Amino acid sequence: MSSPTLQRPSAASTRPEADQASLGTLLILLAGIFVATLDFFIVNVAIPDTQSDLHIGNAATQWIVAGYGLAVAAGLITGGRLGDMYGRRRLYGIGMAVFTLASAVCALAGGAGELIAARVVQGAGMALLMPQVLGIITVVFTGARQARAFAAYGATMGLAAVFGQLIGGALIQADLFGLGWRTIYWINVPVGVVALALLRRMVPESRGAAGTRLDPIGVDLIIAALVAMVLPLIQGPSQGWPLWTWLSLATAAVLLVVFAWYQTRLAARGASPLVDPDLFHERSFRVGVVVALIYQMSVASFFLFLALYLQQGRHLSPLTSGLLFLAIGAPYLLTSKLSEQLAVRLGRQVITVGAVLQALGFLLLIPATTESISLLIPGLIIVGAGMGLAMVPLPGTVLARVSIHHAASAGGVLSTANQVGGALGIAVVGILFYNHLTGGLGSAFVWSLLPMIALCVLSAALVQLLPKLTSEN
């Protein structure tokens, strides 16, 4: 049976009918985004066992984590453009195949160098896959079904982040077939194989407008800029911010300015820029990308420093600390399901409510750090509820008015903002965390909560700059 295809030959093309998308389509797409997000969080749980088994030091260990994140962040925008050019389903399939194969290599790695290289390849696969998910959702779903699909996307990212600690801890504790830490990579393989087997049958193909090209100079500029930005954010906190990190950040700023100028120049000549400046003419996208970046700064830093506090400060096992994350996950599941209904009544302000609730939860955690572990639970519940309300509707709000011709490119920009936001948040919040370790991990965690509260409040304030949705008065 031939696979469905949704061509985009010209600017006059229209959206496909909604009945060409199905629940199966969405599940295949969400499988990709789930394993992509999970691999950011699950690897941290396995670090001690990985170090012991492979006899590797802290520098190599850091690159096991950093190599993946760096490859993802650097390649997302280019991956989005490749999807617009050659087919979003095709690039999703290539990305998933690369990721699945690299996961198997990670699981079989016999040394640090092999594991780090495989992690970088994993990240490259995800850079091809992730923007296609948002792009395909934008193209093949319409109306209320599109809103639900975007909500499912946000919920899936959150679930992978919230439960990554628990899943990793459970896998290592179970020690299936004596594989230990290697199971956190093997778990990706069956997911990838099933998704690839069903891809052509379940997911329709789509492309951008005819004449879309790659823009090699733009590719070189944005990859160099993102590497120069993300690398010092990853390495800086642990190395004490040496001179090279500041020079790298300054270089990144210059390269981003040159990239923006070059893209504007290409668009003015009627050429095909890597990121069409017209995307940023839409206020919901322009402001939404900034909101996503700042909000993600609070989320990524919270999960990391909470895990460090629980395991090293309270001496909980990975599995026990993972179980405590259920206090975040259960309310997250509840409010993520309610967020769509609330968005009908509150519009963009549902994100505001979520961010404010999250800030309140962070605030309640501060006095609990010196008390019994159980007293952390009320604050964690409120944090989880806030995340469900803020994180789930955000992608749909940002991308709702994006042209279908730039769907994957827009997804690449948004995904890049999320990745850069996560790295930036860990770096900025980490300054306070690591500078207050002398007072103990409890004190360091409290100090880290203060900028997280500020980031949530700032996110809520910036949401007011988004255009009103039709459901708002």
Protein backbone atom coordinates (compact mmCIF):
# COMPACT_ATOMS: atom_id res chain seq x y z
CA MET A 1 0.00 0.00 0.00
CA SER A 2 1.42 3.39 -0.95
CA SER A 3 2.15 5.83 1.82
CA PRO A 4 0.23 9.11 2.13
CA THR A 5 1.96 12.20 0.78
CA LEU A 6 1.18 15.86 1.38
CA GLN A 7 3.04 17.94 -1.16
CA ARG A 8 3.67 21.67 -0.78
CA PRO A 9 4.55 22.73 -4.32
CA SER A 10 3.78 26.41 -4.08
CA ALA A 11 2.72 29.18 -1.79
CA ALA A 12 -0.83 28.68 -2.99
CA SER A 13 -1.03 25.20 -1.46
CA THR A 14 -3.57 24.67 1.28
CA ARG A 15 -3.52 22.69 4.47
CA PRO A 16 -4.33 18.98 4.18
CA GLU A 17 -7.68 17.81 5.42
CA ALA A 18 -7.68 16.87 9.10
CA ASP A 19 -8.84 13.31 8.42
CA GLN A 20 -5.43 12.52 6.91
CA ALA A 21 -4.00 12.63 10.43
CA SER A 22 -4.84 10.06 13.07
CA LEU A 23 -4.10 9.02 16.61
CA GLY A 24 -1.50 6.64 15.18
CA THR A 25 0.22 9.56 13.46
CA LEU A 26 0.44 11.43 16.74
CA LEU A 27 1.69 8.41 18.70
CA ILE A 28 4.54 7.82 16.25
CA LEU A 29 5.57 11.48 16.49
CA LEU A 30 5.34 11.52 20.28
CA ALA A 31 7.47 8.39 20.55
CA GLY A 32 10.30 10.36 19.00
CA ILE A 33 9.94 13.37 21.23
CA PHE A 34 9.63 11.14 24.31
CA VAL A 35 12.94 9.31 23.81
CA ALA A 36 14.63 12.55 22.74
CA THR A 37 13.65 14.31 25.97
CA LEU A 38 14.15 11.23 28.14
CA ASP A 39 17.78 10.95 27.07
CA PHE A 40 18.52 14.41 28.44
CA PHE A 41 17.47 13.34 31.94
CA ILE A 42 17.87 9.59 32.27
CA VAL A 43 21.63 9.60 31.63
CA ASN A 44 22.35 11.55 34.84
CA VAL A 45 21.03 8.67 36.96
CA ALA A 46 23.45 6.21 35.36
CA ILE A 47 26.60 8.33 35.64
CA PRO A 48 28.03 6.74 38.84
CA ASP A 49 27.64 3.18 37.51
CA THR A 50 28.99 4.20 34.09
CA GLN A 51 32.09 5.75 35.68
CA SER A 52 32.72 2.66 37.76
CA ASP A 53 32.19 0.16 34.95
CA LEU A 54 34.21 1.97 32.26
CA HIS A 55 36.82 3.42 34.67
CA ILE A 56 36.44 6.97 33.39
CA GLY A 57 37.11 10.32 35.03
CA ASN A 58 34.95 13.39 35.58
CA ALA A 59 36.02 15.19 32.39
CA ALA A 60 34.99 12.29 30.14
CA THR A 61 31.81 11.81 32.16
CA GLN A 62 30.83 15.41 31.59
CA TRP A 63 31.14 14.91 27.84
CA ILE A 64 28.82 11.90 27.96
CA VAL A 65 26.15 14.40 29.01
CA ALA A 66 27.39 17.46 27.13
CA GLY A 67 28.07 15.78 23.77
CA TYR A 68 24.41 14.88 23.32
CA GLY A 69 23.07 18.29 24.28
CA LEU A 70 25.61 20.14 22.16
CA ALA A 71 24.85 18.09 19.03
CA VAL A 72 21.10 18.55 19.47
CA ALA A 73 21.27 22.31 20.01
CA ALA A 74 23.68 22.91 17.12
CA GLY A 75 21.71 20.92 14.55
CA LEU A 76 18.04 21.70 15.22
CA ILE A 77 17.62 24.68 12.90
CA THR A 78 19.44 22.94 10.06
CA GLY A 79 17.39 19.81 10.71
CA GLY A 80 14.20 21.83 10.41
CA ARG A 81 15.22 23.28 7.05
CA LEU A 82 16.19 19.82 5.72
CA GLY A 83 12.70 18.63 6.65
CA ASP A 84 11.10 21.50 4.72
CA MET A 85 13.29 20.64 1.72
CA TYR A 86 13.35 16.85 1.55
CA GLY A 87 10.26 15.82 3.46
CA ARG A 88 9.50 15.98 7.15
CA ARG A 89 8.54 12.33 7.46
CA ARG A 90 11.72 11.31 5.66
CA LEU A 91 13.92 13.37 7.97
CA TYR A 92 12.03 12.07 11.01
CA GLY A 93 12.79 8.54 9.82
CA ILE A 94 16.46 9.27 9.19
CA GLY A 95 16.79 10.95 12.59
CA MET A 96 15.08 8.07 14.39
CA ALA A 97 17.23 5.48 12.58
CA VAL A 98 20.44 7.34 13.48
CA PHE A 99 19.31 7.76 17.10
CA THR A 100 18.29 4.10 17.46
CA LEU A 101 21.54 2.77 16.01
CA ALA A 102 23.60 5.16 18.14
CA SER A 103 21.65 4.06 21.25
CA ALA A 104 22.67 0.46 20.56
CA VAL A 105 26.31 1.55 20.20
CA CYS A 106 26.05 3.43 23.52
CA ALA A 107 24.72 0.27 25.18
CA LEU A 108 27.60 -1.79 23.78
CA ALA A 109 30.35 0.80 24.41
CA GLY A 110 33.55 -0.57 25.89
CA GLY A 111 35.20 2.73 26.71
CA ALA A 112 34.69 6.44 27.25
CA GLY A 113 35.66 7.52 23.73
CA GLU A 114 33.22 5.13 22.07
CA LEU A 115 30.39 6.17 24.41
CA ILE A 116 31.00 9.90 23.92
CA ALA A 117 31.11 9.54 20.12
CA ALA A 118 27.88 7.53 20.13
CA ARG A 119 26.20 10.14 22.33
CA VAL A 120 27.15 12.87 19.85
CA VAL A 121 25.67 10.80 17.02
CA GLN A 122 22.54 10.27 19.13
CA GLY A 123 22.25 14.04 19.44
CA ALA A 124 22.69 14.52 15.70
CA GLY A 125 19.85 12.07 15.09
CA MET A 126 17.63 13.97 17.49
CA ALA A 127 18.49 17.26 15.78
CA LEU A 128 17.05 15.80 12.58
CA LEU A 129 14.00 14.32 14.30
CA MET A 130 12.77 16.90 16.79
CA PRO A 131 11.84 19.82 14.49
CA GLN A 132 9.91 17.45 12.20
CA VAL A 133 7.54 16.56 15.04
CA LEU A 134 6.38 20.15 15.47
CA GLY A 135 6.42 20.67 11.71
CA ILE A 136 4.22 17.65 10.97
CA ILE A 137 1.78 18.54 13.74
CA THR A 138 1.46 22.06 12.31
CA VAL A 139 0.76 20.68 8.83
CA VAL A 140 -1.42 17.60 9.25
CA PHE A 141 -3.62 18.60 12.18
CA THR A 142 -6.09 21.48 12.07
CA GLY A 143 -8.37 23.35 14.44
CA ALA A 144 -9.16 21.70 17.76
CA ARG A 145 -7.26 18.55 16.77
CA GLN A 146 -4.12 20.61 16.26
CA ALA A 147 -4.54 22.20 19.69
CA ARG A 148 -4.88 18.76 21.25
CA ALA A 149 -1.84 17.50 19.33
CA PHE A 150 0.28 20.43 20.54
CA ALA A 151 -0.97 19.80 24.09
CA ALA A 152 0.04 16.14 23.78
CA TYR A 153 3.48 17.24 22.54
CA GLY A 154 3.99 19.48 25.57
CA ALA A 155 2.67 16.81 27.94
CA THR A 156 5.01 14.19 26.47
CA MET A 157 8.07 16.41 26.92
CA GLY A 158 7.09 17.07 30.51
CA LEU A 159 6.43 13.41 31.30
CA ALA A 160 9.81 12.39 29.90
CA ALA A 161 11.50 15.07 32.01
CA VAL A 162 9.54 14.36 35.19
CA PHE A 163 9.74 10.57 35.03
CA GLY A 164 13.24 10.29 33.52
CA GLN A 165 14.73 10.02 37.00
CA LEU A 166 12.25 7.31 38.03
CA ILE A 167 12.59 5.30 34.81
CA GLY A 168 16.38 5.42 34.99
CA GLY A 169 16.47 4.47 38.65
CA ALA A 170 14.05 1.58 38.12
CA LEU A 171 16.03 0.22 35.15
CA ILE A 172 19.33 0.33 37.02
CA GLN A 173 17.77 -1.16 40.14
CA ALA A 174 16.21 -4.01 38.11
CA ASP A 175 19.59 -4.73 36.44
CA LEU A 176 17.88 -6.65 33.62
CA PHE A 177 20.08 -9.44 32.23
CA GLY A 178 22.96 -8.00 34.26
CA LEU A 179 23.15 -5.01 31.89
CA GLY A 180 23.11 -2.35 34.63
CA TRP A 181 23.49 1.20 33.29
CA ARG A 182 23.39 -0.04 29.68
CA THR A 183 19.63 -0.59 29.93
CA ILE A 184 19.02 3.17 29.78
CA TYR A 185 20.26 3.06 26.18
CA TRP A 186 18.76 -0.29 25.19
CA ILE A 187 15.29 1.01 26.09
CA ASN A 188 15.45 3.33 23.07
CA VAL A 189 15.98 0.52 20.57
CA PRO A 190 12.52 -1.16 20.59
CA VAL A 191 10.84 2.26 20.59
CA GLY A 192 12.85 3.29 17.53
CA VAL A 193 12.29 0.01 15.69
CA VAL A 194 8.50 0.13 16.16
CA ALA A 195 8.29 3.80 15.18
CA LEU A 196 10.30 3.18 12.01
CA ALA A 197 8.23 0.12 11.09
CA LEU A 198 4.98 2.10 11.27
CA LEU A 199 6.23 5.45 9.99
CA ARG A 200 5.34 5.21 6.28
CA ARG A 201 1.93 3.74 7.00
CA MET A 202 0.92 6.16 9.74
CA VAL A 203 2.58 9.51 8.99
CA PRO A 204 1.85 11.51 5.81
CA GLU A 205 4.75 13.19 4.01
CA SER A 206 4.92 16.98 3.70
CA ARG A 207 7.41 19.55 2.44
CA GLY A 208 7.92 23.27 2.37
CA ALA A 209 7.38 25.56 -0.58
CA ALA A 210 9.00 24.72 -3.92
CA GLY A 211 12.43 26.28 -4.37
CA THR A 212 13.45 25.98 -0.71
CA ARG A 213 17.22 25.54 -0.46
CA LEU A 214 19.70 24.82 2.28
CA ASP A 215 21.76 28.06 2.50
CA PRO A 216 25.18 26.53 3.36
CA ILE A 217 26.63 29.80 4.63
CA GLY A 218 23.68 30.19 6.99
CA VAL A 219 24.15 26.59 8.17
CA ASP A 220 27.83 27.22 8.96
CA LEU A 221 27.06 30.47 10.77
CA ILE A 222 24.26 29.11 12.97
CA ILE A 223 26.09 25.90 13.88
CA ALA A 224 29.23 27.87 14.79
CA ALA A 225 27.17 30.38 16.79
CA LEU A 226 25.26 27.72 18.71
CA VAL A 227 28.38 25.67 19.49
CA ALA A 228 30.14 28.84 20.65
CA MET A 229 27.13 29.64 22.86
CA VAL A 230 26.20 26.24 24.29
CA LEU A 231 29.69 24.79 24.84
CA PRO A 232 30.78 27.37 27.44
CA LEU A 233 27.35 27.18 29.09
CA ILE A 234 27.87 23.44 29.55
CA GLN A 235 31.55 23.52 30.53
CA GLY A 236 31.74 26.90 32.30
CA PRO A 237 30.14 26.07 35.68
CA SER A 238 32.37 23.04 36.34
CA GLN A 239 35.56 24.79 35.15
CA GLY A 240 35.04 28.03 37.06
CA TRP A 241 34.31 30.14 33.95
CA PRO A 242 37.84 30.49 32.53
CA LEU A 243 38.64 33.19 29.96
CA TRP A 244 37.88 30.97 26.95
CA THR A 245 34.23 30.60 28.01
CA TRP A 246 33.68 34.38 27.94
CA LEU A 247 35.51 34.74 24.63
CA SER A 248 33.35 31.95 23.21
CA LEU A 249 30.13 33.64 24.37
CA ALA A 250 31.26 36.94 22.87
CA THR A 251 32.03 35.15 19.59
CA ALA A 252 28.58 33.56 19.67
CA ALA A 253 26.94 36.97 20.00
CA VAL A 254 28.88 38.31 17.00
CA LEU A 255 28.05 35.24 14.91
CA LEU A 256 24.34 35.51 15.74
CA VAL A 257 24.30 39.14 14.63
CA VAL A 258 26.07 38.20 11.38
CA PHE A 259 23.64 35.31 10.88
CA ALA A 260 20.59 37.57 11.36
CA TRP A 261 22.04 40.15 8.94
CA TYR A 262 22.80 37.49 6.34
CA GLN A 263 19.34 35.94 6.60
CA THR A 264 17.70 39.34 6.15
CA ARG A 265 19.90 40.04 3.14
CA LEU A 266 18.99 36.71 1.52
CA ALA A 267 15.29 37.32 2.07
CA ALA A 268 15.53 40.80 0.54
CA ARG A 269 17.11 39.29 -2.59
CA GLY A 270 14.31 36.74 -2.88
CA ALA A 271 16.68 33.87 -2.02
CA SER A 272 16.02 31.06 0.47
CA PRO A 273 17.33 31.90 3.97
CA LEU A 274 17.81 29.14 6.52
CA VAL A 275 15.47 30.96 8.91
CA ASP A 276 12.98 33.17 7.09
CA PRO A 277 12.83 36.59 8.82
CA ASP A 278 9.07 36.60 8.11
CA LEU A 279 8.72 34.07 10.95
CA PHE A 280 9.61 36.80 13.41
CA HIS A 281 7.10 39.23 11.95
CA GLU A 282 4.42 37.16 13.69
CA ARG A 283 4.24 38.42 17.28
CA SER A 284 3.05 35.10 18.72
CA PHE A 285 6.17 33.38 17.36
CA ARG A 286 8.62 36.19 18.15
CA VAL A 287 7.50 36.64 21.76
CA GLY A 288 6.68 32.96 22.24
CA VAL A 289 10.22 31.83 21.44
CA VAL A 290 11.55 34.21 24.12
CA VAL A 291 8.97 32.96 26.64
CA ALA A 292 9.91 29.34 25.85
CA LEU A 293 13.63 30.07 26.31
CA ILE A 294 13.20 31.81 29.67
CA TYR A 295 10.66 29.33 30.98
CA GLN A 296 12.88 26.37 30.02
CA MET A 297 15.71 27.95 32.02
CA SER A 298 13.68 27.35 35.19
CA VAL A 299 12.58 23.80 34.27
CA ALA A 300 15.95 22.33 33.25
CA SER A 301 17.84 23.82 36.18
CA PHE A 302 15.18 22.64 38.66
CA PHE A 303 15.31 19.01 37.59
CA LEU A 304 19.11 18.92 37.70
CA PHE A 305 19.63 20.63 41.04
CA LEU A 306 16.71 18.83 42.70
CA ALA A 307 18.25 15.49 41.66
CA LEU A 308 21.65 16.56 43.05
CA TYR A 309 20.08 17.73 46.30
CA LEU A 310 18.08 14.52 46.80
CA GLN A 311 20.84 12.07 45.90
CA GLN A 312 23.91 13.84 47.28
CA GLY A 313 22.37 16.11 49.92
CA ARG A 314 19.73 13.72 51.29
CA HIS A 315 21.62 10.56 50.23
CA LEU A 316 18.63 8.97 48.50
CA SER A 317 19.15 6.22 45.94
CA PRO A 318 18.32 6.98 42.28
CA LEU A 319 15.16 4.88 42.59
CA THR A 320 14.01 6.48 45.85
CA SER A 321 14.62 9.99 44.58
CA GLY A 322 12.86 9.01 41.36
CA LEU A 323 9.82 7.93 43.36
CA LEU A 324 9.77 11.37 44.99
CA PHE A 325 9.46 12.84 41.49
CA LEU A 326 5.99 11.24 41.41
CA ALA A 327 4.90 14.19 43.56
CA ILE A 328 5.61 16.33 40.50
CA GLY A 329 4.42 13.83 37.90
CA ALA A 330 0.94 13.07 39.26
CA PRO A 331 -0.30 16.71 39.37
CA TYR A 332 1.48 17.34 36.07
CA LEU A 333 -0.62 14.60 34.46
CA LEU A 334 -3.80 16.07 35.93
CA THR A 335 -3.24 19.69 34.95
CA SER A 336 -1.83 18.80 31.53
CA LYS A 337 -5.18 17.16 30.76
CA LEU A 338 -7.05 20.18 32.10
CA SER A 339 -4.88 22.76 30.33
CA GLU A 340 -6.72 22.52 27.00
CA GLN A 341 -10.11 23.12 28.65
CA LEU A 342 -8.71 25.97 30.71
CA ALA A 343 -7.09 27.50 27.61
CA VAL A 344 -10.55 27.78 26.03
CA ARG A 345 -11.59 30.00 28.94
CA LEU A 346 -8.32 31.72 29.82
CA GLY A 347 -6.49 31.82 26.48
CA ARG A 348 -2.78 32.57 26.83
CA GLN A 349 -3.26 33.36 30.53
CA VAL A 350 -3.30 29.65 31.34
CA ILE A 351 0.49 29.82 30.80
CA THR A 352 0.63 32.74 33.24
CA VAL A 353 -1.28 30.79 35.88
CA GLY A 354 1.04 27.82 35.42
CA ALA A 355 4.23 29.88 35.71
CA VAL A 356 2.96 31.67 38.83
CA LEU A 357 1.95 28.36 40.43
CA GLN A 358 5.39 26.97 39.65
CA ALA A 359 7.03 29.97 41.32
CA LEU A 360 4.82 29.45 44.38
CA GLY A 361 5.84 25.80 44.53
CA PHE A 362 9.52 26.77 44.41
CA LEU A 363 8.89 29.23 47.23
CA LEU A 364 7.28 26.54 49.41
CA LEU A 365 10.30 24.27 48.92
CA ILE A 366 12.67 26.73 50.59
CA PRO A 367 11.68 26.17 54.26
CA ALA A 368 11.19 22.43 53.65
CA THR A 369 14.85 21.81 52.75
CA THR A 370 15.83 21.74 56.42
CA GLU A 371 12.95 19.50 57.47
CA SER A 372 11.73 15.98 56.75
CA ILE A 373 11.78 14.82 53.13
CA SER A 374 7.99 14.44 53.27
CA LEU A 375 7.60 18.20 53.76
CA LEU A 376 8.97 18.73 50.25
CA ILE A 377 5.90 17.04 48.78
CA PRO A 378 3.39 19.97 48.98
CA GLY A 379 5.80 22.26 47.13
CA LEU A 380 6.59 19.58 44.54
CA ILE A 381 2.86 19.01 43.94
CA ILE A 382 2.33 22.71 43.22
CA VAL A 383 5.40 22.80 40.98
CA GLY A 384 4.07 19.84 38.97
CA ALA A 385 0.62 21.40 38.66
CA GLY A 386 2.13 24.63 37.41
CA MET A 387 4.32 22.85 34.88
CA GLY A 388 1.32 21.05 33.44
CA LEU A 389 -0.51 24.34 32.89
CA ALA A 390 2.47 26.27 31.49
CA MET A 391 4.47 23.70 29.53
CA VAL A 392 1.65 21.92 27.71
CA PRO A 393 -0.04 24.84 25.87
CA LEU A 394 3.18 26.74 25.15
CA PRO A 395 4.25 25.02 21.87
CA GLY A 396 0.81 25.42 20.35
CA THR A 397 0.66 29.08 21.35
CA VAL A 398 4.03 29.78 19.74
CA LEU A 399 3.37 27.90 16.47
CA ALA A 400 -0.37 28.34 15.94
CA ARG A 401 0.03 31.14 13.37
CA VAL A 402 3.14 29.86 11.59
CA SER A 403 2.85 29.28 7.83
CA ILE A 404 2.80 25.58 6.92
CA HIS A 405 5.62 26.27 4.42
CA HIS A 406 8.00 27.01 7.30
CA ALA A 407 6.57 24.50 9.79
CA ALA A 408 9.69 22.41 10.40
CA SER A 409 12.01 25.44 10.33
CA ALA A 410 9.83 27.12 12.95
CA GLY A 411 9.89 23.92 14.98
CA GLY A 412 13.67 23.92 14.74
CA VAL A 413 13.88 27.48 16.06
CA LEU A 414 11.52 26.70 18.94
CA SER A 415 13.33 23.47 19.82
CA THR A 416 16.64 25.35 19.72
CA ALA A 417 15.24 27.96 22.10
CA ASN A 418 14.27 25.16 24.49
CA GLN A 419 17.74 23.57 24.33
CA VAL A 420 19.62 26.85 24.69
CA GLY A 421 17.27 27.85 27.50
CA GLY A 422 18.01 24.63 29.35
CA ALA A 423 21.78 25.05 29.02
CA LEU A 424 21.58 28.75 29.93
CA GLY A 425 19.40 28.05 32.96
CA ILE A 426 21.75 25.39 34.32
CA ALA A 427 24.70 27.73 33.82
CA VAL A 428 23.10 30.83 35.37
CA VAL A 429 21.34 29.07 38.24
CA GLY A 430 24.45 26.92 38.70
CA ILE A 431 26.49 30.00 39.59
CA LEU A 432 24.45 30.41 42.78
CA PHE A 433 24.20 26.68 43.43
CA TYR A 434 27.92 25.93 43.20
CA ASN A 435 28.97 29.15 44.95
CA HIS A 436 26.96 28.15 48.04
CA LEU A 437 28.05 24.51 48.31
CA THR A 438 30.23 25.42 51.28
CA GLY A 439 27.02 25.83 53.28
CA GLY A 440 25.85 22.36 52.30
CA LEU A 441 23.70 21.05 49.46
CA GLY A 442 20.52 22.14 51.21
CA SER A 443 21.71 25.74 51.30
CA ALA A 444 22.93 25.55 47.69
CA PHE A 445 19.54 24.21 46.57
CA VAL A 446 17.72 27.04 48.35
CA TRP A 447 19.89 29.63 46.61
CA SER A 448 19.23 27.97 43.27
CA LEU A 449 15.47 28.26 43.82
CA LEU A 450 15.63 32.06 43.98
CA PRO A 451 16.54 32.66 40.30
CA MET A 452 14.08 29.91 39.31
CA ILE A 453 11.29 31.89 41.00
CA ALA A 454 12.40 35.04 39.17
CA LEU A 455 12.46 33.20 35.82
CA CYS A 456 8.90 31.95 36.30
CA VAL A 457 7.67 35.43 37.22
CA LEU A 458 9.46 36.88 34.18
CA SER A 459 7.87 34.22 31.95
CA ALA A 460 4.43 35.11 33.29
CA ALA A 461 5.07 38.80 32.60
CA LEU A 462 6.26 38.17 29.04
CA VAL A 463 3.15 36.10 28.28
CA GLN A 464 1.23 39.39 28.47
CA LEU A 465 3.02 40.48 25.29
CA LEU A 466 1.57 37.56 23.33
CA PRO A 467 -1.42 38.38 21.12
CA LYS A 468 -4.79 37.48 22.58
CA LEU A 469 -6.31 34.23 21.43
CA THR A 470 -9.82 34.07 20.01
CA SER A 471 -11.07 32.52 23.23
CA GLU A 472 -10.05 35.59 25.24
CA ASN A 473 -12.26 38.60 25.77
